[in-house]
Structure formats: C-alpha cells, structure tokens
C-alpha cells in the first residue's frame, strides 16, 4: 500500500525540422494525472482540484513558468538529433 507519484516528460516531434516539437510534462498521483505542462499551450493545466490549485500557483510564478518553457529548447530540441539517428 501507499502512494504512487510519477512525473513523465515527453518530447513529441512531428518533423525533422523541429518546428512542430512539443514538450508534455505530466504529474501523476495514484495513477491519475493531476497537472500537465504543454509547451504548445505555454502554461500548466490542472485536471483535479489539487492540480488546478498547483497550476494556478505555478503559472503565476514567472520563474517556474520560464524554466518549464525553456525545457523545449534545452531538453527536447537538443536531444532530437539522437532520436532521429536511432
């Protein structure tokens, strides 16, 4: 028994030129996604009461939001060449 917490970051690419690259960063608690950052939307979206609370707090913090928005360039696009070479 106990609690299950998981954070899943996923990079999605629709073409090799990386124009359609997208970062999805999901926060899951007990197998239910409660909040997600989507780089296409550009902010956090909550799916549960607790997720909505967290999304509002994180979206109001310019530092947290800027860091998450930068992950598309820093993480996804930097590693895209590795994905495409495999």
PDB file of N, CA and C in Angstrom:
ATOM      1  N   UNK A   1       0.827  -1.184   0.000  1.00  0.00           N
ATOM      2  CA  UNK A   1       0.000   0.000   0.000  1.00  0.00           C
ATOM      3  C   UNK A   1       0.872   1.249   0.000  1.00  0.00           C
ATOM      4  N   UNK A   2       0.257   2.371   0.019  1.00  0.00           N
ATOM      5  CA  UNK A   2       0.982   3.630  -0.004  1.00  0.00           C
ATOM      6  C   UNK A   2       0.518   4.488  -1.157  1.00  0.00           C
ATOM      7  N   UNK A   3       1.361   5.428  -1.500  1.00  0.00           N
ATOM      8  CA  UNK A   3       1.019   6.384  -2.544  1.00  0.00           C
ATOM      9  C   UNK A   3       1.974   6.233  -3.712  1.00  0.00           C
ATOM     10  N   UNK A   4       1.489   6.571  -4.870  1.00  0.00           N
ATOM     11  CA  UNK A   4       2.272   6.472  -6.097  1.00  0.00           C
ATOM     12  C   UNK A   4       2.356   7.849  -6.726  1.00  0.00           C
ATOM     13  N   UNK A   5       3.576   8.357  -6.914  1.00  0.00           N
ATOM     14  CA  UNK A   5       3.792   9.649  -7.554  1.00  0.00           C
ATOM     15  C   UNK A   5       4.717   9.442  -8.741  1.00  0.00           C
ATOM     16  N   UNK A   6       4.413  10.071  -9.847  1.00  0.00           N
ATOM     17  CA  UNK A   6       5.217   9.920 -11.046  1.00  0.00           C
ATOM     18  C   UNK A   6       5.216  11.222 -11.830  1.00  0.00           C
ATOM     19  N   UNK A   7       6.353  11.544 -12.396  1.00  0.00           N
ATOM     20  CA  UNK A   7       6.456  12.703 -13.292  1.00  0.00           C
ATOM     21  C   UNK A   7       6.984  12.181 -14.624  1.00  0.00           C
ATOM     22  N   UNK A   8       6.281  12.490 -15.692  1.00  0.00           N
ATOM     23  CA  UNK A   8       6.641  11.986 -17.005  1.00  0.00           C
ATOM     24  C   UNK A   8       6.825  13.172 -17.947  1.00  0.00           C
ATOM     25  N   UNK A   9       8.024  13.308 -18.505  1.00  0.00           N
ATOM     26  CA  UNK A   9       8.301  14.339 -19.501  1.00  0.00           C
ATOM     27  C   UNK A   9       8.456  13.645 -20.849  1.00  0.00           C
ATOM     28  N   UNK A  10       7.755  14.157 -21.831  1.00  0.00           N
ATOM     29  CA  UNK A  10       7.743  13.531 -23.156  1.00  0.00           C
ATOM     30  C   UNK A  10       7.954  14.603 -24.223  1.00  0.00           C
ATOM     31  N   UNK A  11       8.861  14.323 -25.146  1.00  0.00           N
ATOM     32  CA  UNK A  11       9.086  15.199 -26.293  1.00  0.00           C
ATOM     33  C   UNK A  11       8.407  14.571 -27.500  1.00  0.00           C
ATOM     34  N   UNK A  12       7.642  15.365 -28.207  1.00  0.00           N
ATOM     35  CA  UNK A  12       6.966  14.885 -29.418  1.00  0.00           C
ATOM     36  C   UNK A  12       7.463  15.699 -30.601  1.00  0.00           C
ATOM     37  N   UNK A  13       7.805  14.996 -31.673  1.00  0.00           N
ATOM     38  CA  UNK A  13       8.314  15.643 -32.876  1.00  0.00           C
ATOM     39  C   UNK A  13       7.429  15.256 -34.045  1.00  0.00           C
ATOM     40  N   UNK A  14       7.012  16.237 -34.829  1.00  0.00           N
ATOM     41  CA  UNK A  14       6.190  15.942 -35.998  1.00  0.00           C
ATOM     42  C   UNK A  14       7.000  16.012 -37.287  1.00  0.00           C
ATOM     43  N   UNK A  15       8.216  16.585 -37.216  1.00  0.00           N
ATOM     44  CA  UNK A  15       9.072  16.643 -38.395  1.00  0.00           C
ATOM     45  C   UNK A  15      10.518  16.841 -37.955  1.00  0.00           C
ATOM     46  N   UNK A  16      11.448  16.562 -38.858  1.00  0.00           N
ATOM     47  CA  UNK A  16      12.863  16.690 -38.523  1.00  0.00           C
ATOM     48  C   UNK A  16      13.314  18.139 -38.373  1.00  0.00           C
ATOM     49  N   UNK A  17      12.572  19.090 -38.928  1.00  0.00           N
ATOM     50  CA  UNK A  17      12.975  20.490 -38.797  1.00  0.00           C
ATOM     51  C   UNK A  17      12.621  21.070 -37.423  1.00  0.00           C
ATOM     52  N   UNK A  18      11.960  20.308 -36.582  1.00  0.00           N
ATOM     53  CA  UNK A  18      11.631  20.637 -35.187  1.00  0.00           C
ATOM     54  C   UNK A  18      10.652  21.795 -35.026  1.00  0.00           C
ATOM     55  N   UNK A  19      10.016  22.215 -36.109  1.00  0.00           N
ATOM     56  CA  UNK A  19       9.029  23.291 -35.999  1.00  0.00           C
ATOM     57  C   UNK A  19       7.826  22.864 -35.152  1.00  0.00           C
ATOM     58  N   UNK A  20       7.449  21.610 -35.246  1.00  0.00           N
ATOM     59  CA  UNK A  20       6.289  21.136 -34.501  1.00  0.00           C
ATOM     60  C   UNK A  20       6.649  20.417 -33.213  1.00  0.00           C
ATOM     61  N   UNK A  21       7.866  20.656 -32.688  1.00  0.00           N
ATOM     62  CA  UNK A  21       8.285  19.996 -31.450  1.00  0.00           C
ATOM     63  C   UNK A  21       7.390  20.443 -30.296  1.00  0.00           C
ATOM     64  N   UNK A  22       7.125  19.508 -29.402  1.00  0.00           N
ATOM     65  CA  UNK A  22       6.226  19.772 -28.279  1.00  0.00           C
ATOM     66  C   UNK A  22       6.727  19.042 -27.046  1.00  0.00           C
ATOM     67  N   UNK A  23       6.671  19.696 -25.909  1.00  0.00           N
ATOM     68  CA  UNK A  23       7.027  19.095 -24.626  1.00  0.00           C
ATOM     69  C   UNK A  23       5.761  18.914 -23.809  1.00  0.00           C
ATOM     70  N   UNK A  24       5.558  17.708 -23.296  1.00  0.00           N
ATOM     71  CA  UNK A  24       4.462  17.414 -22.380  1.00  0.00           C
ATOM     72  C   UNK A  24       5.107  16.959 -21.067  1.00  0.00           C
ATOM     73  N   UNK A  25       4.842  17.652 -19.988  1.00  0.00           N
ATOM     74  CA  UNK A  25       5.390  17.329 -18.670  1.00  0.00           C
ATOM     75  C   UNK A  25       4.215  17.070 -17.737  1.00  0.00           C
ATOM     76  N   UNK A  26       3.988  15.797 -17.418  1.00  0.00           N
ATOM     77  CA  UNK A  26       2.808  15.385 -16.642  1.00  0.00           C
ATOM     78  C   UNK A  26       3.176  14.994 -15.219  1.00  0.00           C
ATOM     79  N   UNK A  27       2.314  15.348 -14.298  1.00  0.00           N
ATOM     80  CA  UNK A  27       2.459  14.983 -12.888  1.00  0.00           C
ATOM     81  C   UNK A  27       1.296  14.058 -12.535  1.00  0.00           C
ATOM     82  N   UNK A  28       1.637  12.858 -12.079  1.00  0.00           N
ATOM     83  CA  UNK A  28       0.641  11.810 -11.834  1.00  0.00           C
ATOM     84  C   UNK A  28       0.690  11.412 -10.361  1.00  0.00           C
ATOM     85  N   UNK A  29      -0.474  11.318  -9.747  1.00  0.00           N
ATOM     86  CA  UNK A  29      -0.568  10.860  -8.367  1.00  0.00           C
ATOM     87  C   UNK A  29      -1.608   9.760  -8.302  1.00  0.00           C
ATOM     88  N   UNK A  30      -1.195   8.604  -7.811  1.00  0.00           N
ATOM     89  CA  UNK A  30      -2.063   7.422  -7.723  1.00  0.00           C
ATOM     90  C   UNK A  30      -2.756   7.134  -9.061  1.00  0.00           C
ATOM     91  N   UNK A  31      -1.972   7.134 -10.109  1.00  0.00           N
ATOM     92  CA  UNK A  31      -2.381   6.775 -11.465  1.00  0.00           C
ATOM     93  C   UNK A  31      -3.363   7.761 -12.100  1.00  0.00           C
ATOM     94  N   UNK A  32      -3.502   8.941 -11.536  1.00  0.00           N
ATOM     95  CA  UNK A  32      -4.365   9.966 -12.120  1.00  0.00           C
ATOM     96  C   UNK A  32      -3.519  11.211 -12.387  1.00  0.00           C
ATOM     97  N   UNK A  33      -3.506  11.652 -13.634  1.00  0.00           N
ATOM     98  CA  UNK A  33      -2.771  12.867 -13.968  1.00  0.00           C
ATOM     99  C   UNK A  33      -3.491  14.055 -13.341  1.00  0.00           C
ATOM    100  N   UNK A  34      -2.758  14.827 -12.542  1.00  0.00           N
ATOM    101  CA  UNK A  34      -3.433  15.955 -11.889  1.00  0.00           C
ATOM    102  C   UNK A  34      -3.005  17.302 -12.438  1.00  0.00           C
ATOM    103  N   UNK A  35      -1.850  17.400 -13.065  1.00  0.00           N
ATOM    104  CA  UNK A  35      -1.439  18.658 -13.684  1.00  0.00           C
ATOM    105  C   UNK A  35      -0.470  18.351 -14.822  1.00  0.00           C
ATOM    106  N   UNK A  36      -0.495  19.217 -15.856  1.00  0.00           N
ATOM    107  CA  UNK A  36       0.356  18.998 -17.030  1.00  0.00           C
ATOM    108  C   UNK A  36       0.815  20.348 -17.577  1.00  0.00           C
ATOM    109  N   UNK A  37       2.090  20.366 -17.998  1.00  0.00           N
ATOM    110  CA  UNK A  37       2.593  21.500 -18.771  1.00  0.00           C
ATOM    111  C   UNK A  37       2.674  21.049 -20.217  1.00  0.00           C
ATOM    112  N   UNK A  38       2.116  21.848 -21.103  1.00  0.00           N
ATOM    113  CA  UNK A  38       2.180  21.575 -22.535  1.00  0.00           C
ATOM    114  C   UNK A  38       2.824  22.796 -23.178  1.00  0.00           C
ATOM    115  N   UNK A  39       3.958  22.591 -23.867  1.00  0.00           N
ATOM    116  CA  UNK A  39       4.673  23.732 -24.445  1.00  0.00           C
ATOM    117  C   UNK A  39       3.870  24.431 -25.531  1.00  0.00           C
ATOM    118  N   UNK A  40       2.960  23.735 -26.179  1.00  0.00           N
ATOM    119  CA  UNK A  40       2.113  24.358 -27.187  1.00  0.00           C
ATOM    120  C   UNK A  40       1.145  25.344 -26.531  1.00  0.00           C
ATOM    121  N   UNK A  41       0.605  24.966 -25.384  1.00  0.00           N
ATOM    122  CA  UNK A  41      -0.295  25.844 -24.631  1.00  0.00           C
ATOM    123  C   UNK A  41       0.515  26.922 -23.913  1.00  0.00           C
ATOM    124  N   UNK A  42       1.706  26.548 -23.423  1.00  0.00           N
ATOM    125  CA  UNK A  42       2.599  27.503 -22.771  1.00  0.00           C
ATOM    126  C   UNK A  42       2.350  27.724 -21.302  1.00  0.00           C
ATOM    127  N   UNK A  43       1.539  26.865 -20.700  1.00  0.00           N
ATOM    128  CA  UNK A  43       1.271  27.006 -19.272  1.00  0.00           C
ATOM    129  C   UNK A  43       0.833  25.654 -18.699  1.00  0.00           C
ATOM    130  N   UNK A  44       0.701  25.613 -17.372  1.00  0.00           N
ATOM    131  CA  UNK A  44       0.224  24.418 -16.691  1.00  0.00           C
ATOM    132  C   UNK A  44      -1.303  24.384 -16.730  1.00  0.00           C
ATOM    133  N   UNK A  45      -1.839  23.173 -16.844  1.00  0.00           N
ATOM    134  CA  UNK A  45      -3.283  22.960 -16.823  1.00  0.00           C
ATOM    135  C   UNK A  45      -3.570  21.901 -15.765  1.00  0.00           C
ATOM    136  N   UNK A  46      -4.495  22.183 -14.865  1.00  0.00           N
ATOM    137  CA  UNK A  46      -4.867  21.243 -13.820  1.00  0.00           C
ATOM    138  C   UNK A  46      -6.076  20.418 -14.211  1.00  0.00           C
ATOM    139  N   UNK A  47      -6.083  19.142 -13.794  1.00  0.00           N
ATOM    140  CA  UNK A  47      -7.182  18.230 -14.119  1.00  0.00           C
ATOM    141  C   UNK A  47      -7.950  17.753 -12.890  1.00  0.00           C
ATOM    142  N   UNK A  48      -7.435  18.042 -11.716  1.00  0.00           N
ATOM    143  CA  UNK A  48      -8.115  17.721 -10.469  1.00  0.00           C
ATOM    144  C   UNK A  48      -8.138  18.993  -9.622  1.00  0.00           C
ATOM    145  N   UNK A  49      -8.826  18.962  -8.521  1.00  0.00           N
ATOM    146  CA  UNK A  49      -8.880  20.139  -7.651  1.00  0.00           C
ATOM    147  C   UNK A  49      -7.470  20.551  -7.214  1.00  0.00           C
ATOM    148  N   UNK A  50      -6.687  19.575  -6.782  1.00  0.00           N
ATOM    149  CA  UNK A  50      -5.309  19.847  -6.359  1.00  0.00           C
ATOM    150  C   UNK A  50      -4.462  20.294  -7.556  1.00  0.00           C
ATOM    151  N   UNK A  51      -4.684  19.690  -8.717  1.00  0.00           N
ATOM    152  CA  UNK A  51      -3.955  20.067  -9.923  1.00  0.00           C
ATOM    153  C   UNK A  51      -4.254  21.486 -10.364  1.00  0.00           C
ATOM    154  N   UNK A  52      -5.504  21.893 -10.279  1.00  0.00           N
ATOM    155  CA  UNK A  52      -5.887  23.267 -10.633  1.00  0.00           C
ATOM    156  C   UNK A  52      -5.209  24.255  -9.681  1.00  0.00           C
ATOM    157  N   UNK A  53      -5.177  23.914  -8.390  1.00  0.00           N
ATOM    158  CA  UNK A  53      -4.514  24.750  -7.397  1.00  0.00           C
ATOM    159  C   UNK A  53      -3.032  24.910  -7.737  1.00  0.00           C
ATOM    160  N   UNK A  54      -2.354  23.778  -8.022  1.00  0.00           N
ATOM    161  CA  UNK A  54      -0.929  23.831  -8.367  1.00  0.00           C
ATOM    162  C   UNK A  54      -0.708  24.597  -9.665  1.00  0.00           C
ATOM    163  N   UNK A  55      -1.536  24.350 -10.678  1.00  0.00           N
ATOM    164  CA  UNK A  55      -1.382  25.026 -11.964  1.00  0.00           C
ATOM    165  C   UNK A  55      -1.491  26.541 -11.792  1.00  0.00           C
ATOM    166  N   UNK A  56      -2.444  26.998 -11.025  1.00  0.00           N
ATOM    167  CA  UNK A  56      -2.604  28.439 -10.798  1.00  0.00           C
ATOM    168  C   UNK A  56      -1.374  29.027 -10.101  1.00  0.00           C
ATOM    169  N   UNK A  57      -0.859  28.308  -9.113  1.00  0.00           N
ATOM    170  CA  UNK A  57       0.324  28.790  -8.385  1.00  0.00           C
ATOM    171  C   UNK A  57       1.546  28.808  -9.295  1.00  0.00           C
ATOM    172  N   UNK A  58       1.774  27.749 -10.047  1.00  0.00           N
ATOM    173  CA  UNK A  58       2.949  27.664 -10.916  1.00  0.00           C
ATOM    174  C   UNK A  58       2.856  28.643 -12.081  1.00  0.00           C
ATOM    175  N   UNK A  59       1.673  28.843 -12.629  1.00  0.00           N
ATOM    176  CA  UNK A  59       1.505  29.793 -13.733  1.00  0.00           C
ATOM    177  C   UNK A  59       1.716  31.236 -13.284  1.00  0.00           C
ATOM    178  N   UNK A  60       1.490  31.516 -12.011  1.00  0.00           N
ATOM    179  CA  UNK A  60       1.668  32.882 -11.502  1.00  0.00           C
ATOM    180  C   UNK A  60       3.120  33.173 -11.121  1.00  0.00           C
ATOM    181  N   UNK A  61       3.970  32.139 -11.137  1.00  0.00           N
ATOM    182  CA  UNK A  61       5.389  32.304 -10.806  1.00  0.00           C
ATOM    183  C   UNK A  61       6.182  32.375 -12.112  1.00  0.00           C
ATOM    184  N   UNK A  62       6.615  33.569 -12.477  1.00  0.00           N
ATOM    185  CA  UNK A  62       7.301  33.771 -13.757  1.00  0.00           C
ATOM    186  C   UNK A  62       8.565  32.929 -13.878  1.00  0.00           C
ATOM    187  N   UNK A  63       9.262  32.693 -12.790  1.00  0.00           N
ATOM    188  CA  UNK A  63      10.491  31.899 -12.814  1.00  0.00           C
ATOM    189  C   UNK A  63      10.228  30.443 -13.146  1.00  0.00           C
ATOM    190  N   UNK A  64       9.228  29.859 -12.507  1.00  0.00           N
ATOM    191  CA  UNK A  64       8.866  28.459 -12.764  1.00  0.00           C
ATOM    192  C   UNK A  64       8.384  28.307 -14.200  1.00  0.00           C
ATOM    193  N   UNK A  65       7.550  29.206 -14.641  1.00  0.00           N
ATOM    194  CA  UNK A  65       6.999  29.135 -15.994  1.00  0.00           C
ATOM    195  C   UNK A  65       8.096  29.313 -17.047  1.00  0.00           C
ATOM    196  N   UNK A  66       9.009  30.239 -16.842  1.00  0.00           N
ATOM    197  CA  UNK A  66      10.103  30.458 -17.793  1.00  0.00           C
ATOM    198  C   UNK A  66      11.014  29.238 -17.865  1.00  0.00           C
ATOM    199  N   UNK A  67      11.284  28.624 -16.718  1.00  0.00           N
ATOM    200  CA  UNK A  67      12.138  27.430 -16.702  1.00  0.00           C
ATOM    201  C   UNK A  67      11.479  26.293 -17.484  1.00  0.00           C
ATOM    202  N   UNK A  68      10.205  26.062 -17.255  1.00  0.00           N
ATOM    203  CA  UNK A  68       9.498  24.981 -17.948  1.00  0.00           C
ATOM    204  C   UNK A  68       9.428  25.259 -19.446  1.00  0.00           C
ATOM    205  N   UNK A  69       9.173  26.492 -19.827  1.00  0.00           N
ATOM    206  CA  UNK A  69       9.121  26.850 -21.246  1.00  0.00           C
ATOM    207  C   UNK A  69      10.473  26.638 -21.922  1.00  0.00           C
ATOM    208  N   UNK A  70      11.558  26.852 -21.194  1.00  0.00           N
ATOM    209  CA  UNK A  70      12.902  26.655 -21.730  1.00  0.00           C
ATOM    210  C   UNK A  70      13.282  25.205 -21.945  1.00  0.00           C
ATOM    211  N   UNK A  71      12.575  24.294 -21.304  1.00  0.00           N
ATOM    212  CA  UNK A  71      12.895  22.871 -21.435  1.00  0.00           C
ATOM    213  C   UNK A  71      12.703  22.356 -22.862  1.00  0.00           C
ATOM    214  N   UNK A  72      11.809  22.942 -23.619  1.00  0.00           N
ATOM    215  CA  UNK A  72      11.610  22.525 -25.008  1.00  0.00           C
ATOM    216  C   UNK A  72      12.912  22.712 -25.785  1.00  0.00           C
ATOM    217  N   UNK A  73      13.557  23.852 -25.623  1.00  0.00           N
ATOM    218  CA  UNK A  73      14.823  24.115 -26.311  1.00  0.00           C
ATOM    219  C   UNK A  73      15.965  23.323 -25.679  1.00  0.00           C
ATOM    220  N   UNK A  74      16.057  23.371 -24.351  1.00  0.00           N
ATOM    221  CA  UNK A  74      17.181  22.767 -23.650  1.00  0.00           C
ATOM    222  C   UNK A  74      17.185  21.257 -23.734  1.00  0.00           C
ATOM    223  N   UNK A  75      16.055  20.650 -23.569  1.00  0.00           N
ATOM    224  CA  UNK A  75      15.995  19.194 -23.493  1.00  0.00           C
ATOM    225  C   UNK A  75      15.530  18.559 -24.797  1.00  0.00           C
ATOM    226  N   UNK A  76      14.369  18.918 -25.264  1.00  0.00           N
ATOM    227  CA  UNK A  76      13.796  18.249 -26.441  1.00  0.00           C
ATOM    228  C   UNK A  76      14.598  18.493 -27.710  1.00  0.00           C
ATOM    229  N   UNK A  77      14.790  19.744 -28.043  1.00  0.00           N
ATOM    230  CA  UNK A  77      15.447  20.049 -29.318  1.00  0.00           C
ATOM    231  C   UNK A  77      16.919  19.662 -29.304  1.00  0.00           C
ATOM    232  N   UNK A  78      17.573  19.741 -28.143  1.00  0.00           N
ATOM    233  CA  UNK A  78      18.978  19.338 -28.050  1.00  0.00           C
ATOM    234  C   UNK A  78      19.162  17.838 -28.271  1.00  0.00           C
ATOM    235  N   UNK A  79      18.166  17.050 -27.875  1.00  0.00           N
ATOM    236  CA  UNK A  79      18.278  15.595 -27.989  1.00  0.00           C
ATOM    237  C   UNK A  79      17.575  15.027 -29.212  1.00  0.00           C
ATOM    238  N   UNK A  80      16.976  15.858 -30.011  1.00  0.00           N
ATOM    239  CA  UNK A  80      16.226  15.383 -31.195  1.00  0.00           C
ATOM    240  C   UNK A  80      17.135  14.666 -32.175  1.00  0.00           C
ATOM    241  N   UNK A  81      18.354  15.143 -32.363  1.00  0.00           N
ATOM    242  CA  UNK A  81      19.278  14.503 -33.290  1.00  0.00           C
ATOM    243  C   UNK A  81      19.567  13.061 -32.888  1.00  0.00           C
ATOM    244  N   UNK A  82      19.646  12.814 -31.598  1.00  0.00           N
ATOM    245  CA  UNK A  82      19.870  11.451 -31.103  1.00  0.00           C
ATOM    246  C   UNK A  82      18.669  10.573 -31.439  1.00  0.00           C
ATOM    247  N   UNK A  83      17.479  11.093 -31.236  1.00  0.00           N
ATOM    248  CA  UNK A  83      16.268  10.337 -31.540  1.00  0.00           C
ATOM    249  C   UNK A  83      16.172   9.998 -33.022  1.00  0.00           C
ATOM    250  N   UNK A  84      16.496  10.965 -33.873  1.00  0.00           N
ATOM    251  CA  UNK A  84      16.371  10.745 -35.312  1.00  0.00           C
ATOM    252  C   UNK A  84      17.479   9.865 -35.873  1.00  0.00           C
ATOM    253  N   UNK A  85      18.627   9.800 -35.181  1.00  0.00           N
ATOM    254  CA  UNK A  85      19.717   8.951 -35.686  1.00  0.00           C
ATOM    255  C   UNK A  85      19.523   7.479 -35.317  1.00  0.00           C
ATOM    256  N   UNK A  86      18.673   7.220 -34.371  1.00  0.00           N
ATOM    257  CA  UNK A  86      18.465   5.832 -33.906  1.00  0.00           C
ATOM    258  C   UNK A  86      17.601   5.034 -34.849  1.00  0.00           C
TER     259      UNK A  86
END
